[in-house]
Amino acid sequence: MLLNWLAYLGRNGTKVLAVGILVGLALPDLARSLKPWLPVAVAMTMVGSMLRLEWPEIARQIRAWPQVALTAAWLMLAAPVLVAVVATALPLPPGLVTAMVLSAAGPCIMSAPAICLLLGLDGALALVAMVIAHLLAPLTVPPLALGLVGVTLDIGMVELTLRLAGFVLGAAAVAELIRRLAGRQRMRDHGDAVNGFNMLVLVVFAIAIMDGVTAAALADPGLVLVYLAAALVFNAALQAAGWLAFRRAGAPAALAVGFMTGNRNMGLMWAALGADTAIGITLYFAVAQLPMYLFPAIQAPLYHRWTRGA
């Protein structure tokens, strides 16, 4: 029964994500109560992504290192510089520009491989690129934040490196342990159920991350609408830019790079900024979760059609 229920969630994952983010807005008390579970939800999402991918697929991506290296360079260097150039040229509030550039400087969301698999994209590329991007973050994010928008981060490079490396290696170890205990063939046979598990923990994350957004919208709806509009355009434009930059790699890979480009780990950036993060930056990081969880429901039928036979 549980496996059937999880499989149903897995087959309808994009709709489940959209519902989760709306539940978080409609039930702020639930969002507040789930917020302490955010780190667990993120960790379990990475475990679930690794369960869905076989080591030969990951090894294939590592052997194709030029594409992986280009993807990482695009995500962690080229894209944030591009955003800084464009955003500063537009008549936007300074706080909004700072938030957009900081979000672009961060690595892609840790759930990128899970959602890419759900969309029929190159999940192995997404996983390898996501891991490399997070390991590069301590080296690239502080100088970009300081050089592009004059922001100093509140966490040391060594501490951030150790934290992220431990997170990735711990998730890999848990995934391998589960795979060995359950059996590799059984994991393959129940792929939809594993997807459903990923969707379940993503829904917990989606609800929890909305803590405070409803109150902000009621207090200043005009400001929230401006920031939300910017987040929607930012996400869509960066996804299009990533796809254009890598379109010669084929639809599954190019669209995966686009997805990673538009969807950044703002939770990591928020943690790195520290407790004194400006309210405008915090607000943008929160409302930017909406396109992350709503867009896949729109993209899924299009992407499945575009990648069919690719």
C-alpha atoms as a PDB file:
ATOM      1  CA  MET A   1       0.000   0.000   0.000  1.00  0.00           C
ATOM      2  CA  LEU A   2       2.756   2.453   0.975  1.00  0.00           C
ATOM      3  CA  LEU A   3       4.728   1.676  -2.195  1.00  0.00           C
ATOM      4  CA  ASN A   4       1.613   2.209  -4.319  1.00  0.00           C
ATOM      5  CA  TRP A   5       0.977   5.547  -2.636  1.00  0.00           C
ATOM      6  CA  LEU A   6       4.575   6.662  -3.120  1.00  0.00           C
ATOM      7  CA  ALA A   7       4.477   5.510  -6.744  1.00  0.00           C
ATOM      8  CA  TYR A   8       1.360   7.635  -7.284  1.00  0.00           C
ATOM      9  CA  LEU A   9       3.179  10.661  -5.858  1.00  0.00           C
ATOM     10  CA  GLY A  10       6.145   9.897  -8.107  1.00  0.00           C
ATOM     11  CA  ARG A  11       4.003   9.728 -11.244  1.00  0.00           C
ATOM     12  CA  ASN A  12       2.337  13.041 -10.363  1.00  0.00           C
ATOM     13  CA  GLY A  13       5.382  14.737  -8.881  1.00  0.00           C
ATOM     14  CA  THR A  14       5.181  18.120 -10.608  1.00  0.00           C
ATOM     15  CA  LYS A  15       1.576  18.612  -9.481  1.00  0.00           C
ATOM     16  CA  VAL A  16       2.500  17.518  -5.958  1.00  0.00           C
ATOM     17  CA  LEU A  17       5.257  20.160  -5.817  1.00  0.00           C
ATOM     18  CA  ALA A  18       2.868  22.910  -6.920  1.00  0.00           C
ATOM     19  CA  VAL A  19       0.305  21.886  -4.295  1.00  0.00           C
ATOM     20  CA  GLY A  20       3.004  21.813  -1.603  1.00  0.00           C
ATOM     21  CA  ILE A  21       4.083  25.411  -2.158  1.00  0.00           C
ATOM     22  CA  LEU A  22       0.454  26.597  -2.141  1.00  0.00           C
ATOM     23  CA  VAL A  23      -0.240  24.694   1.094  1.00  0.00           C
ATOM     24  CA  GLY A  24       2.723  26.470   2.675  1.00  0.00           C
ATOM     25  CA  LEU A  25       1.205  29.838   1.750  1.00  0.00           C
ATOM     26  CA  ALA A  26      -2.312  28.900   2.849  1.00  0.00           C
ATOM     27  CA  LEU A  27      -1.267  27.330   6.176  1.00  0.00           C
ATOM     28  CA  PRO A  28       1.464  29.544   7.701  1.00  0.00           C
ATOM     29  CA  ASP A  29       1.279  27.737  11.060  1.00  0.00           C
ATOM     30  CA  LEU A  30       2.089  24.442   9.333  1.00  0.00           C
ATOM     31  CA  ALA A  31       4.977  26.128   7.512  1.00  0.00           C
ATOM     32  CA  ARG A  32       6.331  27.393  10.825  1.00  0.00           C
ATOM     33  CA  SER A  33       6.065  23.979  12.481  1.00  0.00           C
ATOM     34  CA  LEU A  34       7.880  22.233   9.621  1.00  0.00           C
ATOM     35  CA  LYS A  35      10.718  24.761   9.345  1.00  0.00           C
ATOM     36  CA  PRO A  36      13.035  22.880  11.776  1.00  0.00           C
ATOM     37  CA  TRP A  37      12.848  19.910   9.386  1.00  0.00           C
ATOM     38  CA  LEU A  38      14.335  21.862   6.462  1.00  0.00           C
ATOM     39  CA  PRO A  39      17.883  20.421   6.774  1.00  0.00           C
ATOM     40  CA  VAL A  40      16.516  16.870   7.031  1.00  0.00           C
ATOM     41  CA  ALA A  41      14.312  17.380   3.968  1.00  0.00           C
ATOM     42  CA  VAL A  42      17.248  18.678   1.919  1.00  0.00           C
ATOM     43  CA  ALA A  43      19.467  15.773   3.002  1.00  0.00           C
ATOM     44  CA  MET A  44      16.827  13.160   2.198  1.00  0.00           C
ATOM     45  CA  THR A  45      16.218  14.720  -1.220  1.00  0.00           C
ATOM     46  CA  MET A  46      19.875  14.239  -2.081  1.00  0.00           C
ATOM     47  CA  VAL A  47      19.725  10.656  -0.811  1.00  0.00           C
ATOM     48  CA  GLY A  48      16.662  10.015  -2.978  1.00  0.00           C
ATOM     49  CA  SER A  49      18.355  11.480  -6.052  1.00  0.00           C
ATOM     50  CA  MET A  50      21.344   9.195  -5.565  1.00  0.00           C
ATOM     51  CA  LEU A  51      19.030   6.191  -5.152  1.00  0.00           C
ATOM     52  CA  ARG A  52      17.487   6.842  -8.571  1.00  0.00           C
ATOM     53  CA  LEU A  53      20.830   6.989 -10.366  1.00  0.00           C
ATOM     54  CA  GLU A  54      23.179   4.089 -11.030  1.00  0.00           C
ATOM     55  CA  TRP A  55      26.909   4.489 -10.541  1.00  0.00           C
ATOM     56  CA  PRO A  56      27.615   3.658 -14.239  1.00  0.00           C
ATOM     57  CA  GLU A  57      25.508   6.674 -15.252  1.00  0.00           C
ATOM     58  CA  ILE A  58      27.413   8.909 -12.858  1.00  0.00           C
ATOM     59  CA  ALA A  59      30.749   7.475 -14.044  1.00  0.00           C
ATOM     60  CA  ARG A  60      29.742   8.210 -17.648  1.00  0.00           C
ATOM     61  CA  GLN A  61      29.243  11.866 -16.770  1.00  0.00           C
ATOM     62  CA  ILE A  62      32.552  12.038 -14.909  1.00  0.00           C
ATOM     63  CA  ARG A  63      34.358  10.552 -17.922  1.00  0.00           C
ATOM     64  CA  ALA A  64      32.744  13.244 -20.078  1.00  0.00           C
ATOM     65  CA  TRP A  65      34.543  15.789 -17.908  1.00  0.00           C
ATOM     66  CA  PRO A  66      34.701  18.664 -20.444  1.00  0.00           C
ATOM     67  CA  GLN A  67      30.902  19.004 -20.424  1.00  0.00           C
ATOM     68  CA  VAL A  68      30.769  18.726 -16.638  1.00  0.00           C
ATOM     69  CA  ALA A  69      33.543  21.322 -16.272  1.00  0.00           C
ATOM     70  CA  LEU A  70      31.811  23.708 -18.679  1.00  0.00           C
ATOM     71  CA  THR A  71      28.527  23.242 -16.826  1.00  0.00           C
ATOM     72  CA  ALA A  72      30.147  24.007 -13.466  1.00  0.00           C
ATOM     73  CA  ALA A  73      31.945  27.068 -14.885  1.00  0.00           C
ATOM     74  CA  TRP A  74      28.709  28.324 -16.394  1.00  0.00           C
ATOM     75  CA  LEU A  75      26.751  27.839 -13.171  1.00  0.00           C
ATOM     76  CA  MET A  76      29.308  29.230 -10.735  1.00  0.00           C
ATOM     77  CA  LEU A  77      31.081  31.947 -12.759  1.00  0.00           C
ATOM     78  CA  ALA A  78      29.450  32.988 -16.025  1.00  0.00           C
ATOM     79  CA  ALA A  79      25.803  33.056 -14.905  1.00  0.00           C
ATOM     80  CA  PRO A  80      26.280  35.283 -11.816  1.00  0.00           C
ATOM     81  CA  VAL A  81      28.375  37.762 -13.812  1.00  0.00           C
ATOM     82  CA  LEU A  82      25.693  37.811 -16.526  1.00  0.00           C
ATOM     83  CA  VAL A  83      22.985  38.469 -13.929  1.00  0.00           C
ATOM     84  CA  ALA A  84      25.033  41.263 -12.343  1.00  0.00           C
ATOM     85  CA  VAL A  85      25.541  42.994 -15.699  1.00  0.00           C
ATOM     86  CA  VAL A  86      21.869  42.774 -16.680  1.00  0.00           C
ATOM     87  CA  ALA A  87      20.348  43.506 -13.251  1.00  0.00           C
ATOM     88  CA  THR A  88      22.468  46.594 -12.589  1.00  0.00           C
ATOM     89  CA  ALA A  89      21.502  47.983 -16.007  1.00  0.00           C
ATOM     90  CA  LEU A  90      17.776  47.764 -15.171  1.00  0.00           C
ATOM     91  CA  PRO A  91      15.829  50.288 -13.029  1.00  0.00           C
ATOM     92  CA  LEU A  92      15.449  47.923 -10.072  1.00  0.00           C
ATOM     93  CA  PRO A  93      15.669  48.623  -6.319  1.00  0.00           C
ATOM     94  CA  PRO A  94      19.256  48.105  -5.073  1.00  0.00           C
ATOM     95  CA  GLY A  95      18.148  45.501  -2.540  1.00  0.00           C
ATOM     96  CA  LEU A  96      16.456  43.476  -5.265  1.00  0.00           C
ATOM     97  CA  VAL A  97      19.549  43.642  -7.486  1.00  0.00           C
ATOM     98  CA  THR A  98      21.714  42.438  -4.596  1.00  0.00           C
ATOM     99  CA  ALA A  99      19.353  39.538  -3.897  1.00  0.00           C
ATOM    100  CA  MET A 100      19.232  38.477  -7.554  1.00  0.00           C
ATOM    101  CA  VAL A 101      23.013  38.528  -7.937  1.00  0.00           C
ATOM    102  CA  LEU A 102      23.584  36.657  -4.670  1.00  0.00           C
ATOM    103  CA  SER A 103      21.084  33.981  -5.637  1.00  0.00           C
ATOM    104  CA  ALA A 104      22.771  33.540  -9.030  1.00  0.00           C
ATOM    105  CA  ALA A 105      26.160  33.194  -7.319  1.00  0.00           C
ATOM    106  CA  GLY A 106      24.993  30.187  -5.324  1.00  0.00           C
ATOM    107  CA  PRO A 107      25.032  26.580  -6.575  1.00  0.00           C
ATOM    108  CA  CYS A 108      21.903  24.969  -7.986  1.00  0.00           C
ATOM    109  CA  ILE A 109      19.307  23.530  -5.626  1.00  0.00           C
ATOM    110  CA  MET A 110      20.204  20.146  -4.138  1.00  0.00           C
ATOM    111  CA  SER A 111      16.919  18.720  -5.407  1.00  0.00           C
ATOM    112  CA  ALA A 112      17.892  19.501  -9.032  1.00  0.00           C
ATOM    113  CA  PRO A 113      18.738  15.857  -9.895  1.00  0.00           C
ATOM    114  CA  ALA A 114      15.419  14.604  -8.488  1.00  0.00           C
ATOM    115  CA  ILE A 115      13.368  17.185 -10.380  1.00  0.00           C
ATOM    116  CA  CYS A 116      15.395  16.730 -13.582  1.00  0.00           C
ATOM    117  CA  LEU A 117      14.656  12.992 -13.443  1.00  0.00           C
ATOM    118  CA  LEU A 118      10.984  13.807 -12.947  1.00  0.00           C
ATOM    119  CA  LEU A 119      11.062  16.053 -16.030  1.00  0.00           C
ATOM    120  CA  GLY A 120      12.796  13.409 -18.143  1.00  0.00           C
ATOM    121  CA  LEU A 121      16.085  15.330 -18.296  1.00  0.00           C
ATOM    122  CA  ASP A 122      19.696  14.233 -17.766  1.00  0.00           C
ATOM    123  CA  GLY A 123      19.628  13.406 -14.053  1.00  0.00           C
ATOM    124  CA  ALA A 124      23.186  12.053 -13.984  1.00  0.00           C
ATOM    125  CA  LEU A 125      24.580  15.316 -15.372  1.00  0.00           C
ATOM    126  CA  ALA A 126      22.460  17.239 -12.869  1.00  0.00           C
ATOM    127  CA  LEU A 127      23.774  15.157  -9.956  1.00  0.00           C
ATOM    128  CA  VAL A 128      27.458  15.420 -10.890  1.00  0.00           C
ATOM    129  CA  ALA A 129      27.195  19.135 -11.717  1.00  0.00           C
ATOM    130  CA  MET A 130      25.254  19.813  -8.509  1.00  0.00           C
ATOM    131  CA  VAL A 131      27.890  18.098  -6.355  1.00  0.00           C
ATOM    132  CA  ILE A 132      30.769  19.916  -8.082  1.00  0.00           C
ATOM    133  CA  ALA A 133      28.953  23.257  -7.855  1.00  0.00           C
ATOM    134  CA  HIS A 134      28.469  22.857  -4.107  1.00  0.00           C
ATOM    135  CA  LEU A 135      32.115  21.897  -3.608  1.00  0.00           C
ATOM    136  CA  LEU A 136      33.189  24.932  -5.672  1.00  0.00           C
ATOM    137  CA  ALA A 137      30.856  27.300  -3.807  1.00  0.00           C
ATOM    138  CA  PRO A 138      33.304  28.133  -0.970  1.00  0.00           C
ATOM    139  CA  LEU A 139      35.881  29.183  -3.582  1.00  0.00           C
ATOM    140  CA  THR A 140      33.615  31.170  -5.923  1.00  0.00           C
ATOM    141  CA  VAL A 141      30.756  32.602  -3.852  1.00  0.00           C
ATOM    142  CA  PRO A 142      32.691  34.878  -1.409  1.00  0.00           C
ATOM    143  CA  PRO A 143      34.716  36.731  -4.094  1.00  0.00           C
ATOM    144  CA  LEU A 144      31.691  37.029  -6.402  1.00  0.00           C
ATOM    145  CA  ALA A 145      29.474  38.353  -3.592  1.00  0.00           C
ATOM    146  CA  LEU A 146      32.106  40.913  -2.622  1.00  0.00           C
ATOM    147  CA  GLY A 147      33.156  41.854  -6.149  1.00  0.00           C
ATOM    148  CA  LEU A 148      29.719  42.062  -7.782  1.00  0.00           C
ATOM    149  CA  VAL A 149      27.548  43.553  -5.019  1.00  0.00           C
ATOM    150  CA  GLY A 150      29.951  44.383  -2.168  1.00  0.00           C
ATOM    151  CA  VAL A 151      28.567  41.809   0.286  1.00  0.00           C
ATOM    152  CA  THR A 152      30.782  39.970   2.787  1.00  0.00           C
ATOM    153  CA  LEU A 153      29.605  36.504   3.789  1.00  0.00           C
ATOM    154  CA  ASP A 154      29.311  35.446   7.424  1.00  0.00           C
ATOM    155  CA  ILE A 155      30.922  32.010   7.082  1.00  0.00           C
ATOM    156  CA  GLY A 156      34.517  30.933   6.527  1.00  0.00           C
ATOM    157  CA  MET A 157      35.650  29.136   3.385  1.00  0.00           C
ATOM    158  CA  VAL A 158      37.034  26.110   5.257  1.00  0.00           C
ATOM    159  CA  GLU A 159      33.900  25.730   7.386  1.00  0.00           C
ATOM    160  CA  LEU A 160      31.619  25.941   4.346  1.00  0.00           C
ATOM    161  CA  THR A 161      33.768  23.458   2.399  1.00  0.00           C
ATOM    162  CA  LEU A 162      33.749  20.906   5.222  1.00  0.00           C
ATOM    163  CA  ARG A 163      30.015  21.329   5.785  1.00  0.00           C
ATOM    164  CA  LEU A 164      29.133  20.815   2.116  1.00  0.00           C
ATOM    165  CA  ALA A 165      31.595  17.959   1.587  1.00  0.00           C
ATOM    166  CA  GLY A 166      30.236  16.158   4.639  1.00  0.00           C
ATOM    167  CA  PHE A 167      26.687  16.691   3.417  1.00  0.00           C
ATOM    168  CA  VAL A 168      27.381  15.215  -0.029  1.00  0.00           C
ATOM    169  CA  LEU A 169      29.485  12.286   1.211  1.00  0.00           C
ATOM    170  CA  GLY A 170      26.985  11.488   3.954  1.00  0.00           C
ATOM    171  CA  ALA A 171      24.098  11.397   1.471  1.00  0.00           C
ATOM    172  CA  ALA A 172      26.091   9.141  -0.859  1.00  0.00           C
ATOM    173  CA  ALA A 173      26.884   6.734   1.990  1.00  0.00           C
ATOM    174  CA  VAL A 174      23.240   6.537   3.125  1.00  0.00           C
ATOM    175  CA  ALA A 175      22.038   5.980  -0.455  1.00  0.00           C
ATOM    176  CA  GLU A 176      24.544   3.175  -1.012  1.00  0.00           C
ATOM    177  CA  LEU A 177      23.584   1.540   2.298  1.00  0.00           C
ATOM    178  CA  ILE A 178      19.876   1.613   1.373  1.00  0.00           C
ATOM    179  CA  ARG A 179      20.654   0.262  -2.102  1.00  0.00           C
ATOM    180  CA  ARG A 180      22.602  -2.672  -0.647  1.00  0.00           C
ATOM    181  CA  LEU A 181      20.013  -3.484   2.018  1.00  0.00           C
ATOM    182  CA  ALA A 182      17.011  -3.248  -0.318  1.00  0.00           C
ATOM    183  CA  GLY A 183      18.743  -4.718  -3.367  1.00  0.00           C
ATOM    184  CA  ARG A 184      19.692  -2.887  -6.539  1.00  0.00           C
ATOM    185  CA  GLN A 185      17.114  -4.631  -8.697  1.00  0.00           C
ATOM    186  CA  ARG A 186      14.335  -3.841  -6.239  1.00  0.00           C
ATOM    187  CA  MET A 187      15.322  -0.164  -6.319  1.00  0.00           C
ATOM    188  CA  ARG A 188      15.110  -0.238 -10.126  1.00  0.00           C
ATOM    189  CA  ASP A 189      11.724  -1.982 -10.033  1.00  0.00           C
ATOM    190  CA  HIS A 190      10.285   0.632  -7.675  1.00  0.00           C
ATOM    191  CA  GLY A 191      11.645   3.747  -9.392  1.00  0.00           C
ATOM    192  CA  ASP A 192       8.272   5.526  -9.211  1.00  0.00           C
ATOM    193  CA  ALA A 193       8.111   4.905  -5.459  1.00  0.00           C
ATOM    194  CA  VAL A 194      11.598   6.398  -5.011  1.00  0.00           C
ATOM    195  CA  ASN A 195      10.444   9.411  -7.037  1.00  0.00           C
ATOM    196  CA  GLY A 196       7.430   9.606  -4.739  1.00  0.00           C
ATOM    197  CA  PHE A 197       9.697   9.622  -1.685  1.00  0.00           C
ATOM    198  CA  ASN A 198      11.629  12.494  -3.262  1.00  0.00           C
ATOM    199  CA  MET A 199       8.398  14.388  -3.864  1.00  0.00           C
ATOM    200  CA  LEU A 200       7.287  13.833  -0.269  1.00  0.00           C
ATOM    201  CA  VAL A 201      10.429  15.363   1.212  1.00  0.00           C
ATOM    202  CA  LEU A 202      10.342  18.158  -1.379  1.00  0.00           C
ATOM    203  CA  VAL A 203       6.796  18.986  -0.277  1.00  0.00           C
ATOM    204  CA  VAL A 204       7.994  19.219   3.336  1.00  0.00           C
ATOM    205  CA  PHE A 205      10.710  21.605   2.149  1.00  0.00           C
ATOM    206  CA  ALA A 206       8.252  23.605   0.004  1.00  0.00           C
ATOM    207  CA  ILE A 207       5.814  24.087   2.878  1.00  0.00           C
ATOM    208  CA  ALA A 208       8.511  24.949   5.424  1.00  0.00           C
ATOM    209  CA  ILE A 209      10.325  27.466   3.205  1.00  0.00           C
ATOM    210  CA  MET A 210       7.111  29.518   2.938  1.00  0.00           C
ATOM    211  CA  ASP A 211       7.317  30.423   6.630  1.00  0.00           C
ATOM    212  CA  GLY A 212       6.925  34.207   6.850  1.00  0.00           C
ATOM    213  CA  VAL A 213       5.954  34.785   3.216  1.00  0.00           C
ATOM    214  CA  THR A 214       2.207  34.963   3.891  1.00  0.00           C
ATOM    215  CA  ALA A 215       2.733  37.508   6.674  1.00  0.00           C
ATOM    216  CA  ALA A 216       4.979  39.606   4.422  1.00  0.00           C
ATOM    217  CA  ALA A 217       2.397  39.509   1.625  1.00  0.00           C
ATOM    218  CA  LEU A 218      -0.334  40.719   3.977  1.00  0.00           C
ATOM    219  CA  ALA A 219       1.895  43.479   5.395  1.00  0.00           C
ATOM    220  CA  ASP A 220       3.120  44.875   2.047  1.00  0.00           C
ATOM    221  CA  PRO A 221       1.436  43.158  -0.917  1.00  0.00           C
ATOM    222  CA  GLY A 222       2.815  45.625  -3.464  1.00  0.00           C
ATOM    223  CA  LEU A 223       6.438  44.950  -2.522  1.00  0.00           C
ATOM    224  CA  VAL A 224       5.886  41.195  -2.486  1.00  0.00           C
ATOM    225  CA  LEU A 225       4.315  41.335  -5.968  1.00  0.00           C
ATOM    226  CA  VAL A 226       7.318  43.260  -7.330  1.00  0.00           C
ATOM    227  CA  TYR A 227       9.752  40.753  -5.848  1.00  0.00           C
ATOM    228  CA  LEU A 228       7.647  37.815  -7.030  1.00  0.00           C
ATOM    229  CA  ALA A 229       7.487  39.191 -10.581  1.00  0.00           C
ATOM    230  CA  ALA A 230      11.268  39.636 -10.548  1.00  0.00           C
ATOM    231  CA  ALA A 231      11.738  36.063  -9.292  1.00  0.00           C
ATOM    232  CA  LEU A 232       9.478  34.638 -12.021  1.00  0.00           C
ATOM    233  CA  VAL A 233      11.293  36.514 -14.790  1.00  0.00           C
ATOM    234  CA  PHE A 234      14.707  35.763 -13.259  1.00  0.00           C
ATOM    235  CA  ASN A 235      14.041  32.018 -13.116  1.00  0.00           C
ATOM    236  CA  ALA A 236      12.600  31.778 -16.626  1.00  0.00           C
ATOM    237  CA  ALA A 237      15.299  33.968 -18.196  1.00  0.00           C
ATOM    238  CA  LEU A 238      18.148  32.044 -16.573  1.00  0.00           C
ATOM    239  CA  GLN A 239      16.653  28.711 -17.609  1.00  0.00           C
ATOM    240  CA  ALA A 240      16.436  29.979 -21.186  1.00  0.00           C
ATOM    241  CA  ALA A 241      20.023  31.271 -21.033  1.00  0.00           C
ATOM    242  CA  GLY A 242      21.318  27.931 -19.749  1.00  0.00           C
ATOM    243  CA  TRP A 243      19.459  26.039 -22.471  1.00  0.00           C
ATOM    244  CA  LEU A 244      20.807  28.368 -25.170  1.00  0.00           C
ATOM    245  CA  ALA A 245      24.374  28.091 -23.892  1.00  0.00           C
ATOM    246  CA  PHE A 246      24.285  24.259 -23.975  1.00  0.00           C
ATOM    247  CA  ARG A 247      21.753  23.525 -26.723  1.00  0.00           C
ATOM    248  CA  ARG A 248      24.348  21.652 -28.802  1.00  0.00           C
ATOM    249  CA  ALA A 249      24.651  19.057 -26.018  1.00  0.00           C
ATOM    250  CA  GLY A 250      21.142  17.789 -26.820  1.00  0.00           C
ATOM    251  CA  ALA A 251      17.762  18.511 -25.257  1.00  0.00           C
ATOM    252  CA  PRO A 252      18.047  16.357 -22.068  1.00  0.00           C
ATOM    253  CA  ALA A 253      21.418  17.862 -21.108  1.00  0.00           C
ATOM    254  CA  ALA A 254      20.705  21.437 -22.249  1.00  0.00           C
ATOM    255  CA  LEU A 255      17.359  21.618 -20.470  1.00  0.00           C
ATOM    256  CA  ALA A 256      18.940  20.135 -17.325  1.00  0.00           C
ATOM    257  CA  VAL A 257      21.601  22.866 -17.384  1.00  0.00           C
ATOM    258  CA  GLY A 258      18.841  25.418 -17.901  1.00  0.00           C
ATOM    259  CA  PHE A 259      16.927  24.080 -14.908  1.00  0.00           C
ATOM    260  CA  MET A 260      20.034  24.230 -12.700  1.00  0.00           C
ATOM    261  CA  THR A 261      20.829  27.751 -13.915  1.00  0.00           C
ATOM    262  CA  GLY A 262      17.428  29.115 -12.954  1.00  0.00           C
ATOM    263  CA  ASN A 263      17.000  27.273  -9.653  1.00  0.00           C
ATOM    264  CA  ARG A 264      19.618  28.155  -7.042  1.00  0.00           C
ATOM    265  CA  ASN A 265      20.277  27.061  -3.473  1.00  0.00           C
ATOM    266  CA  MET A 266      19.158  30.241  -1.742  1.00  0.00           C
ATOM    267  CA  GLY A 267      18.967  28.466   1.593  1.00  0.00           C
ATOM    268  CA  LEU A 268      22.742  28.035   1.460  1.00  0.00           C
ATOM    269  CA  MET A 269      23.207  31.694   0.524  1.00  0.00           C
ATOM    270  CA  TRP A 270      20.891  32.807   3.328  1.00  0.00           C
ATOM    271  CA  ALA A 271      22.894  30.742   5.827  1.00  0.00           C
ATOM    272  CA  ALA A 272      26.173  32.158   4.508  1.00  0.00           C
ATOM    273  CA  LEU A 273      24.913  35.739   4.844  1.00  0.00           C
ATOM    274  CA  GLY A 274      24.241  35.300   8.554  1.00  0.00           C
ATOM    275  CA  ALA A 275      21.586  36.543  10.950  1.00  0.00           C
ATOM    276  CA  ASP A 276      21.774  40.182   9.830  1.00  0.00           C
ATOM    277  CA  THR A 277      20.567  39.493   6.294  1.00  0.00           C
ATOM    278  CA  ALA A 278      18.601  42.463   4.924  1.00  0.00           C
ATOM    279  CA  ILE A 279      14.842  41.910   4.903  1.00  0.00           C
ATOM    280  CA  GLY A 280      14.667  42.543   1.144  1.00  0.00           C
ATOM    281  CA  ILE A 281      17.140  39.748   0.442  1.00  0.00           C
ATOM    282  CA  THR A 282      15.297  37.359   2.759  1.00  0.00           C
ATOM    283  CA  LEU A 283      11.975  38.222   1.098  1.00  0.00           C
ATOM    284  CA  TYR A 284      13.360  37.622  -2.386  1.00  0.00           C
ATOM    285  CA  PHE A 285      14.903  34.297  -1.381  1.00  0.00           C
ATOM    286  CA  ALA A 286      11.504  33.212  -0.029  1.00  0.00           C
ATOM    287  CA  VAL A 287       9.284  34.277  -2.960  1.00  0.00           C
ATOM    288  CA  ALA A 288      11.822  32.847  -5.427  1.00  0.00           C
ATOM    289  CA  GLN A 289      10.797  29.397  -4.198  1.00  0.00           C
ATOM    290  CA  LEU A 290       7.420  29.819  -5.939  1.00  0.00           C
ATOM    291  CA  PRO A 291       8.693  29.484  -9.531  1.00  0.00           C
ATOM    292  CA  MET A 292      11.000  26.658  -8.436  1.00  0.00           C
ATOM    293  CA  TYR A 293       7.995  24.568  -7.432  1.00  0.00           C
ATOM    294  CA  LEU A 294       5.334  25.866  -9.828  1.00  0.00           C
ATOM    295  CA  PHE A 295       7.304  25.887 -13.098  1.00  0.00           C
ATOM    296  CA  PRO A 296       7.933  22.093 -13.234  1.00  0.00           C
ATOM    297  CA  ALA A 297       4.174  21.463 -13.490  1.00  0.00           C
ATOM    298  CA  ILE A 298       4.150  23.629 -16.633  1.00  0.00           C
ATOM    299  CA  GLN A 299       7.439  22.310 -17.981  1.00  0.00           C
ATOM    300  CA  ALA A 300       6.795  18.570 -17.562  1.00  0.00           C
ATOM    301  CA  PRO A 301       4.532  17.982 -20.612  1.00  0.00           C
ATOM    302  CA  LEU A 302       6.696  20.232 -22.794  1.00  0.00           C
ATOM    303  CA  TYR A 303       9.986  18.660 -21.735  1.00  0.00           C
ATOM    304  CA  HIS A 304       8.719  15.111 -22.116  1.00  0.00           C
ATOM    305  CA  ARG A 305       7.692  15.946 -25.671  1.00  0.00           C
ATOM    306  CA  TRP A 306      10.966  17.729 -26.509  1.00  0.00           C
ATOM    307  CA  THR A 307      13.178  14.990 -25.086  1.00  0.00           C
ATOM    308  CA  ARG A 308      11.229  12.058 -26.542  1.00  0.00           C
ATOM    309  CA  GLY A 309      13.625  10.087 -28.703  1.00  0.00           C
ATOM    310  CA  ALA A 310      16.565  12.324 -27.755  1.00  0.00           C
END
